[in-house]
N, C-alpha and C. Protein backbone atom coordinates (compact mmCIF):
# COMPACT_ATOMS: atom_id res chain seq x y z
N MET A 1 0.07 32.04 42.66
CA MET A 1 0.59 31.45 43.78
C MET A 1 -0.06 30.10 43.85
N ALA A 2 0.67 29.00 44.13
CA ALA A 2 -0.04 27.63 44.39
C ALA A 2 -0.68 27.48 45.57
N LYS A 3 -1.84 26.70 45.71
CA LYS A 3 -2.61 26.81 47.07
C LYS A 3 -1.71 25.94 47.91
N THR A 4 -1.40 26.16 49.06
CA THR A 4 -0.63 25.43 50.21
C THR A 4 -1.90 24.52 50.98
N ARG A 5 -1.58 23.34 51.08
CA ARG A 5 -2.29 22.54 51.66
C ARG A 5 -2.16 22.63 53.16
N LYS A 6 -3.36 22.66 53.86
CA LYS A 6 -3.16 23.12 55.15
C LYS A 6 -3.33 21.92 56.47
N TYR A 7 -2.52 21.95 57.27
CA TYR A 7 -2.45 20.66 58.35
C TYR A 7 -2.81 21.18 59.79
N THR A 8 -3.02 20.05 60.54
CA THR A 8 -3.15 20.10 61.97
C THR A 8 -1.84 20.23 62.53
N VAL A 9 -1.57 21.30 63.52
CA VAL A 9 -0.42 21.32 64.14
C VAL A 9 -0.78 21.37 65.57
N LEU A 10 0.04 20.50 66.43
CA LEU A 10 -0.30 20.54 67.63
C LEU A 10 0.73 21.35 68.27
N VAL A 11 0.38 22.31 69.14
CA VAL A 11 1.28 23.36 69.81
C VAL A 11 1.49 22.78 71.13
N VAL A 12 2.78 22.45 71.61
CA VAL A 12 2.96 22.16 73.07
C VAL A 12 3.58 23.11 73.67
N GLU A 13 3.15 23.91 74.61
CA GLU A 13 3.86 25.15 75.08
C GLU A 13 3.14 25.56 76.50
N ASP A 14 3.86 25.45 77.45
CA ASP A 14 3.38 25.76 78.97
C ASP A 14 3.07 27.37 79.24
N VAL A 15 3.53 28.33 78.34
CA VAL A 15 3.40 29.70 78.55
C VAL A 15 2.16 30.19 77.50
N ASP A 16 1.12 30.35 78.32
CA ASP A 16 -0.13 30.88 77.53
C ASP A 16 0.17 31.93 76.42
N GLU A 17 0.99 32.94 76.50
CA GLU A 17 0.93 33.80 75.60
C GLU A 17 2.08 33.36 74.58
N ILE A 18 2.80 32.61 74.86
CA ILE A 18 3.78 32.06 73.62
C ILE A 18 2.71 30.98 72.93
N SER A 19 2.00 30.22 73.51
CA SER A 19 1.08 29.31 72.78
C SER A 19 0.11 30.00 71.98
N ALA A 20 -0.34 30.90 72.58
CA ALA A 20 -1.20 31.83 71.80
C ALA A 20 -0.64 32.72 70.54
N ASN A 21 0.46 33.10 70.64
CA ASN A 21 1.14 33.67 69.70
C ASN A 21 1.53 32.54 68.67
N MET A 22 1.94 31.45 68.91
CA MET A 22 2.35 30.33 67.84
C MET A 22 1.03 29.79 67.16
N GLY A 23 0.08 29.62 67.95
CA GLY A 23 -1.50 29.29 67.35
C GLY A 23 -1.79 30.34 66.40
N ALA A 24 -1.77 31.63 66.82
CA ALA A 24 -2.09 32.73 65.92
C ALA A 24 -1.36 32.73 64.60
N ALA A 25 0.11 32.50 64.76
CA ALA A 25 0.83 32.50 63.42
C ALA A 25 0.58 31.24 62.51
N LEU A 26 0.08 30.18 63.00
CA LEU A 26 -0.23 28.96 62.39
C LEU A 26 -1.60 29.33 61.83
N ASP A 27 -2.58 29.57 62.69
CA ASP A 27 -3.84 29.96 62.16
C ASP A 27 -3.98 30.95 60.95
N LYS A 28 -3.22 32.00 61.00
CA LYS A 28 -2.82 33.12 59.91
C LYS A 28 -2.42 32.28 58.74
N ARG A 29 -1.72 31.20 58.78
CA ARG A 29 -1.09 30.52 57.70
C ARG A 29 -2.20 29.43 57.22
N GLY A 30 -3.47 29.41 57.75
CA GLY A 30 -4.42 28.43 57.37
C GLY A 30 -4.42 26.95 58.09
N HIS A 31 -3.52 26.69 59.14
CA HIS A 31 -3.58 25.62 59.69
C HIS A 31 -4.54 25.35 60.95
N ARG A 32 -4.93 24.21 60.98
CA ARG A 32 -5.72 24.05 62.28
C ARG A 32 -4.76 23.82 63.34
N VAL A 33 -5.16 24.29 64.47
CA VAL A 33 -4.18 24.38 65.77
C VAL A 33 -5.01 23.80 67.00
N VAL A 34 -4.16 22.92 67.60
CA VAL A 34 -4.72 22.16 68.78
C VAL A 34 -3.62 22.50 69.81
N HIS A 35 -3.99 22.88 71.10
CA HIS A 35 -2.93 23.31 72.04
C HIS A 35 -2.84 22.22 73.15
N ALA A 36 -1.62 21.99 73.67
CA ALA A 36 -1.51 21.36 74.89
C ALA A 36 -0.44 22.01 75.73
N SER A 37 -0.42 21.70 77.02
CA SER A 37 0.47 22.43 77.85
C SER A 37 1.66 21.58 78.58
N ASN A 38 1.30 20.19 78.30
CA ASN A 38 2.47 19.46 78.96
C ASN A 38 2.51 18.18 78.31
N ALA A 39 3.38 17.18 78.58
CA ALA A 39 3.53 16.09 77.74
C ALA A 39 2.38 14.99 77.78
N GLU A 40 1.73 14.88 78.86
CA GLU A 40 0.53 13.96 79.12
C GLU A 40 -0.55 14.55 78.18
N ASP A 41 -0.82 15.80 78.07
CA ASP A 41 -2.00 16.18 77.52
C ASP A 41 -1.67 16.38 75.99
N ALA A 42 -0.33 16.51 75.51
CA ALA A 42 0.07 16.53 74.23
C ALA A 42 -0.22 14.99 73.71
N ILE A 43 0.17 13.97 74.34
CA ILE A 43 0.08 12.59 73.77
C ILE A 43 -1.58 12.37 73.60
N ALA A 44 -2.43 12.65 74.80
CA ALA A 44 -3.91 12.55 74.50
C ALA A 44 -4.28 13.18 73.30
N LYS A 45 -3.96 14.40 73.09
CA LYS A 45 -4.52 15.11 72.06
C LYS A 45 -3.90 14.73 70.62
N ALA A 46 -2.62 14.21 70.67
CA ALA A 46 -1.98 13.60 69.37
C ALA A 46 -2.80 12.42 69.11
N GLU A 47 -3.29 11.68 70.11
CA GLU A 47 -3.88 10.27 69.78
C GLU A 47 -5.42 10.74 69.24
N HIS A 48 -6.01 11.68 69.97
CA HIS A 48 -7.34 11.95 69.46
C HIS A 48 -7.37 12.93 68.00
N ASP A 49 -6.54 13.85 67.88
CA ASP A 49 -6.60 14.51 66.80
C ASP A 49 -5.55 14.27 65.38
N ARG A 50 -4.64 13.44 65.85
CA ARG A 50 -3.80 13.00 64.83
C ARG A 50 -3.14 14.07 63.97
N PRO A 51 -2.44 15.18 64.78
CA PRO A 51 -1.68 16.30 64.01
C PRO A 51 -0.83 15.77 62.93
N ALA A 52 -0.46 16.51 61.96
CA ALA A 52 0.69 16.21 60.96
C ALA A 52 2.10 16.71 61.70
N MET A 53 1.95 17.50 62.84
CA MET A 53 3.29 17.90 63.24
C MET A 53 2.95 18.24 64.83
N ILE A 54 4.09 18.12 65.59
CA ILE A 54 3.79 18.63 67.09
C ILE A 54 4.99 19.76 66.99
N LEU A 55 4.56 20.92 67.37
CA LEU A 55 5.60 22.29 67.43
C LEU A 55 5.71 22.43 68.99
N THR A 56 6.83 22.45 69.48
CA THR A 56 7.14 22.47 70.80
C THR A 56 8.23 23.60 71.15
N ASP A 57 8.61 23.57 72.37
CA ASP A 57 9.76 24.34 72.83
C ASP A 57 10.65 23.52 73.73
N PRO A 58 11.91 23.69 73.55
CA PRO A 58 13.05 22.64 74.26
C PRO A 58 12.85 23.23 75.89
N ASP A 59 12.34 24.49 76.07
CA ASP A 59 12.24 24.83 77.55
C ASP A 59 11.20 24.40 78.24
N LEU A 60 10.23 23.70 77.42
CA LEU A 60 9.11 23.04 78.13
C LEU A 60 9.47 22.08 79.04
N PRO A 61 8.98 22.26 80.47
CA PRO A 61 9.58 21.39 81.60
C PRO A 61 9.17 19.98 81.26
N THR A 62 8.36 19.64 80.39
CA THR A 62 8.14 18.05 80.15
C THR A 62 8.49 17.78 78.77
N PHE A 63 9.48 18.58 78.11
CA PHE A 63 10.11 18.23 76.76
C PHE A 63 10.55 17.06 76.76
N GLU A 64 11.52 16.53 77.64
CA GLU A 64 12.31 15.25 77.57
C GLU A 64 11.11 14.10 77.78
N LYS A 65 10.15 14.23 78.78
CA LYS A 65 9.10 13.33 78.79
C LYS A 65 8.13 13.04 77.59
N LEU A 66 8.03 14.35 76.86
CA LEU A 66 7.19 14.25 75.74
C LEU A 66 7.93 13.31 74.67
N MET A 67 9.09 13.56 74.45
CA MET A 67 10.02 12.99 73.48
C MET A 67 9.99 11.50 73.77
N LYS A 68 10.22 11.11 75.14
CA LYS A 68 10.27 9.72 75.58
C LYS A 68 8.94 9.01 75.29
N LEU A 69 7.85 9.68 75.56
CA LEU A 69 6.45 8.99 75.38
C LEU A 69 6.15 9.05 73.78
N LEU A 70 6.40 9.87 73.19
CA LEU A 70 6.38 9.86 71.77
C LEU A 70 7.01 8.64 71.06
N ARG A 71 8.42 8.46 71.61
CA ARG A 71 9.21 7.35 70.74
C ARG A 71 8.75 6.16 71.43
N ALA A 72 8.02 6.03 72.53
CA ALA A 72 7.39 4.63 73.04
C ALA A 72 6.01 4.44 72.66
N HIS A 73 5.58 5.29 71.96
CA HIS A 73 4.03 5.02 71.61
C HIS A 73 4.07 4.46 70.46
N GLY A 74 3.16 3.39 70.21
CA GLY A 74 3.12 2.52 68.93
C GLY A 74 2.58 3.26 67.87
N THR A 75 1.80 4.16 67.82
CA THR A 75 1.26 4.83 66.55
C THR A 75 1.87 6.39 66.46
N LEU A 76 2.41 6.95 67.52
CA LEU A 76 2.97 8.16 67.48
C LEU A 76 4.47 8.32 67.27
N LYS A 77 5.16 7.16 67.24
CA LYS A 77 6.45 7.15 67.39
C LYS A 77 7.26 7.85 66.22
N ASN A 78 6.56 7.93 65.21
CA ASN A 78 7.02 8.69 63.98
C ASN A 78 6.63 10.22 63.66
N MET A 79 6.10 10.47 64.82
CA MET A 79 5.49 11.83 64.60
C MET A 79 6.68 12.99 64.42
N VAL A 80 6.23 13.89 63.51
CA VAL A 80 7.02 14.99 63.01
C VAL A 80 7.16 16.02 64.30
N VAL A 81 8.34 16.25 64.94
CA VAL A 81 8.45 17.11 66.01
C VAL A 81 9.15 18.33 65.52
N ALA A 82 8.91 19.49 65.78
CA ALA A 82 9.66 20.58 65.23
C ALA A 82 9.69 21.71 66.38
N ILE A 83 10.67 22.60 66.48
CA ILE A 83 10.93 23.73 67.15
C ILE A 83 11.39 24.88 66.24
N ILE A 84 10.55 26.03 66.39
CA ILE A 84 11.00 27.19 65.65
C ILE A 84 12.14 27.96 66.55
N ASP A 85 13.42 28.21 66.12
CA ASP A 85 14.29 28.90 66.91
C ASP A 85 15.32 29.62 65.89
N LEU A 86 15.46 30.83 66.36
CA LEU A 86 16.42 31.86 65.51
C LEU A 86 17.90 31.90 65.96
N ASN A 87 17.95 30.97 67.07
CA ASN A 87 19.28 31.06 67.94
C ASN A 87 20.30 30.01 67.54
N HIS A 88 20.01 29.26 66.56
CA HIS A 88 20.74 27.90 66.15
C HIS A 88 20.86 26.92 67.33
N LEU A 89 19.82 26.53 67.73
CA LEU A 89 19.80 25.75 68.97
C LEU A 89 20.14 24.51 68.51
N LYS A 90 20.99 23.78 69.55
CA LYS A 90 21.42 22.36 69.38
C LYS A 90 20.83 21.44 70.40
N LEU A 91 20.24 20.35 69.74
CA LEU A 91 19.78 19.38 70.92
C LEU A 91 20.43 18.20 70.55
N ASP A 92 20.48 17.14 71.74
CA ASP A 92 20.84 15.85 71.63
C ASP A 92 20.09 14.93 70.65
N ASP A 93 18.78 15.27 70.84
CA ASP A 93 17.72 14.48 70.04
C ASP A 93 17.58 14.90 68.72
N GLN A 94 18.46 13.98 67.76
CA GLN A 94 18.60 14.61 66.45
C GLN A 94 17.08 14.24 65.50
N SER A 95 16.17 13.61 66.20
CA SER A 95 14.83 13.50 65.70
C SER A 95 13.78 14.67 65.54
N VAL A 96 14.34 15.81 66.40
CA VAL A 96 13.69 17.00 66.41
C VAL A 96 14.10 17.79 65.28
N ASN A 97 13.15 18.46 64.54
CA ASN A 97 13.63 19.44 63.55
C ASN A 97 13.62 20.82 64.02
N ILE A 98 14.66 21.48 63.90
CA ILE A 98 14.78 22.83 64.21
C ILE A 98 14.78 23.86 63.11
N LEU A 99 13.60 24.61 63.11
CA LEU A 99 13.34 25.50 62.03
C LEU A 99 13.69 26.72 62.46
N ALA A 100 13.89 27.52 61.28
CA ALA A 100 14.22 29.00 61.25
C ALA A 100 12.95 29.84 61.54
N ASP A 101 11.75 29.41 60.80
CA ASP A 101 10.70 30.33 60.67
C ASP A 101 9.43 29.47 60.48
N PHE A 102 8.26 30.09 60.24
CA PHE A 102 7.17 29.36 59.63
C PHE A 102 6.97 29.01 58.31
N GLN A 103 7.91 29.70 57.50
CA GLN A 103 7.75 29.08 56.09
C GLN A 103 8.54 27.69 56.08
N ALA A 104 9.70 27.55 56.99
CA ALA A 104 10.46 26.26 56.99
C ALA A 104 9.48 25.25 57.51
N LEU A 105 8.51 25.74 58.52
CA LEU A 105 7.46 24.75 59.03
C LEU A 105 6.68 24.24 58.00
N ASP A 106 6.03 25.18 57.12
CA ASP A 106 5.24 24.74 56.15
C ASP A 106 5.95 23.76 55.23
N ASP A 107 7.33 24.20 54.77
CA ASP A 107 8.04 23.22 53.74
C ASP A 107 8.08 21.95 54.31
N LEU A 108 8.38 21.83 55.76
CA LEU A 108 8.50 20.33 56.35
C LEU A 108 7.28 19.74 56.24
N LEU A 109 6.24 20.52 56.69
CA LEU A 109 4.91 19.73 56.50
C LEU A 109 4.69 19.06 55.27
N LYS A 110 4.57 19.96 54.22
CA LYS A 110 4.40 19.67 52.95
C LYS A 110 5.38 18.22 52.66
N SER A 111 6.95 18.31 52.82
CA SER A 111 7.68 17.34 52.43
C SER A 111 7.49 16.03 53.24
N SER A 112 7.02 16.17 54.51
CA SER A 112 6.93 14.98 55.28
C SER A 112 5.50 14.29 54.93
N HIS A 113 4.60 15.05 54.34
CA HIS A 113 3.36 14.57 54.21
C HIS A 113 2.90 14.26 52.44
N ASP A 114 3.77 14.52 51.83
CA ASP A 114 3.74 14.52 50.30
C ASP A 114 3.09 13.10 49.95
N GLY A 115 2.13 13.04 49.07
CA GLY A 115 1.63 11.82 48.71
C GLY A 115 0.46 11.12 49.55
N GLU A 116 0.17 11.79 50.66
CA GLU A 116 -0.94 11.48 51.43
C GLU A 116 -2.21 12.24 50.94
N ALA A 117 -3.12 11.37 51.07
CA ALA A 117 -4.44 11.93 50.59
C ALA A 117 -4.96 13.12 51.47
N GLN A 118 -5.48 14.22 50.92
CA GLN A 118 -5.99 15.25 51.77
C GLN A 118 -7.13 15.13 52.41
């Protein structure tokens, strides 16, 4: 099996148990995990840690604010944003990647960061 490149993923989730479970699943896959619980904290941590992706939840009370802040930010506006959802979620914001599972997340990370130095 080929070695999978590991990435930093910022988990933005306001429910501690869900955040911990998402973090544990990512950690198990070898990724470095950074946590934030709201839009403002997420922007600060994204500026500091420069994650490869933001994994969030459309039910996050500050989801719309997070997306607005990201799109207006000079260096974060092209940040990959994803949601893992098994229920065929539909969002108005077409820039958010809706993924079926963590393998799809790994695939998106790899494809969106191919060619970058490790």
